[in-house]
Protein backbone atom coordinates (compact mmCIF):
# COMPACT_ATOMS: atom_id res chain seq x y z
CA MET A 1 102.23 105.65 120.78
CA ASP A 2 103.30 106.38 124.33
CA ILE A 3 102.87 110.09 123.66
CA LEU A 4 99.19 109.61 122.80
CA PHE A 5 98.44 107.62 125.94
CA ALA A 6 100.51 109.85 128.22
CA GLY A 7 98.01 112.69 127.95
CA ALA A 8 95.08 110.38 128.69
CA GLN A 9 96.76 108.79 131.72
CA SER A 10 97.47 112.09 133.43
CA GLY A 11 93.79 113.11 133.43
CA GLN A 12 92.23 109.81 134.48
CA GLY A 13 91.12 111.01 137.89
CA GLY A 14 89.05 113.98 136.59
CA GLY A 15 86.23 114.26 134.12
CA GLY A 16 83.03 113.87 136.08
CA ILE A 17 80.09 115.68 134.51
CA PHE A 18 82.20 117.04 131.65
CA THR A 19 82.51 113.51 130.28
CA PHE A 20 78.74 113.32 129.81
CA MET A 21 78.28 116.90 128.58
CA PRO A 22 78.22 115.99 124.84
CA PHE A 23 75.50 113.38 125.45
CA ILE A 24 73.44 115.81 127.51
CA LEU A 25 73.81 118.43 124.78
CA ILE A 26 72.72 115.97 122.07
CA MET A 27 69.64 114.97 124.10
CA ALA A 28 68.70 118.63 124.60
CA ILE A 29 69.01 119.29 120.87
CA LEU A 30 66.87 116.23 120.06
CA TYR A 31 64.21 117.38 122.51
CA PHE A 32 63.95 120.96 121.25
CA PHE A 33 64.16 120.19 117.53
CA MET A 34 62.30 116.88 117.25
CA ILE A 35 60.26 115.76 120.24
CA ARG A 36 58.79 119.08 121.40
CA PRO A 37 57.46 120.23 117.99
CA GLN A 38 55.91 116.80 117.35
CA THR A 39 54.16 116.85 120.73
CA LYS A 40 52.88 120.36 120.07
CA LYS A 41 51.53 119.35 116.66
CA GLN A 42 49.84 116.29 118.16
CA LYS A 43 48.10 118.42 120.81
CA GLU A 44 46.85 120.83 118.13
CA LYS A 45 45.40 117.92 116.14
CA GLU A 46 43.68 116.49 119.23
CA LYS A 47 42.15 119.91 119.93
CA MET A 48 40.96 120.20 116.32
CA LEU A 49 39.36 116.74 116.48
CA SER A 50 37.58 117.53 119.74
CA ASP A 51 36.32 120.88 118.38
CA LEU A 52 34.80 119.39 115.20
CA LYS A 53 31.19 120.31 114.65
CA LYS A 54 28.50 119.71 112.08
CA GLY A 55 29.19 121.62 108.87
CA ASP A 56 33.01 121.68 109.11
CA LYS A 57 34.80 120.95 105.85
CA ILE A 58 37.52 118.35 106.38
CA ILE A 59 39.97 116.19 104.48
CA THR A 60 40.80 112.60 105.37
CA MET A 61 44.22 110.96 105.29
CA GLY A 62 43.13 109.25 102.08
CA GLY A 63 42.51 112.62 100.43
CA ILE A 64 38.71 112.63 100.55
CA PHE A 65 37.16 116.07 100.99
CA GLY A 66 33.78 116.35 102.64
CA THR A 67 31.53 118.03 105.17
CA VAL A 68 30.76 116.68 108.64
CA SER A 69 27.05 115.88 108.73
CA GLY A 70 26.86 114.07 112.07
CA PHE A 71 28.50 111.93 114.74
CA LYS A 72 28.14 108.29 115.82
CA ASN A 73 29.38 106.08 118.68
CA SER A 74 29.57 108.83 121.29
CA GLY A 75 31.53 111.08 118.94
CA ARG A 76 34.23 108.54 118.02
CA SER A 77 32.96 108.25 114.43
CA ILE A 78 31.74 110.89 112.03
CA ILE A 79 29.36 110.87 109.11
CA LEU A 80 31.08 112.60 106.21
CA LYS A 81 28.93 113.99 103.42
CA VAL A 82 30.95 113.69 100.23
CA ASP A 83 28.25 114.32 97.62
CA LYS A 84 24.48 114.88 97.53
CA ASN A 85 23.70 111.18 97.93
CA THR A 86 26.99 109.90 99.35
CA ASN A 87 27.72 109.66 103.06
CA LEU A 88 30.70 107.89 104.60
CA THR A 89 31.14 106.79 108.20
CA LEU A 90 34.73 107.32 109.33
CA ASN A 91 36.70 107.03 112.52
CA LYS A 92 37.87 110.41 113.82
CA THR A 93 41.49 109.26 113.62
CA ALA A 94 41.16 109.13 109.80
CA ILE A 95 40.77 112.91 109.64
CA SER A 96 43.85 114.75 108.51
CA GLY A 97 42.54 118.21 109.28
CA LEU A 98 40.29 121.03 108.24
CA ALA A 99 40.22 121.33 104.46
CA ALA A 100 41.36 124.96 104.42
CA LYS A 101 44.35 124.38 106.69
CA VAL A 102 45.86 121.10 105.43
CA GLY A 103 48.86 121.27 103.11
CA ASP A 104 50.64 118.60 101.07
CA ALA A 105 53.35 118.18 103.71
CA ASP A 106 50.74 117.43 106.37
CA MET A 107 49.21 114.70 104.20
CA GLU A 108 52.58 112.98 103.73
CA THR A 109 53.54 112.95 107.41
CA GLN A 110 50.32 111.51 108.82
CA SER A 111 50.49 107.99 110.16
């Protein structure tokens, strides 16, 4: 056992930044592979929601397809035309995306 601790005792004075290098590396990997792509995707969705206009075909998080027929409450809510006689009023946050661009994976990851 003394052999194992002998190597650790001789290098006690050094270390410095090299001790924290694995943690810094892990944080950099987490940022570039998890946090940054999620932030980028969130900004794209916010841009899509702000660029919505009358006539756009959308899909909601619940899987309802429809066409935007108007806006309410200063643009915070939309009127979604689902059928000839059916209109729904939805909050903009319930929109998953444009109907042509939303895949199954996007529907599963929405919260």
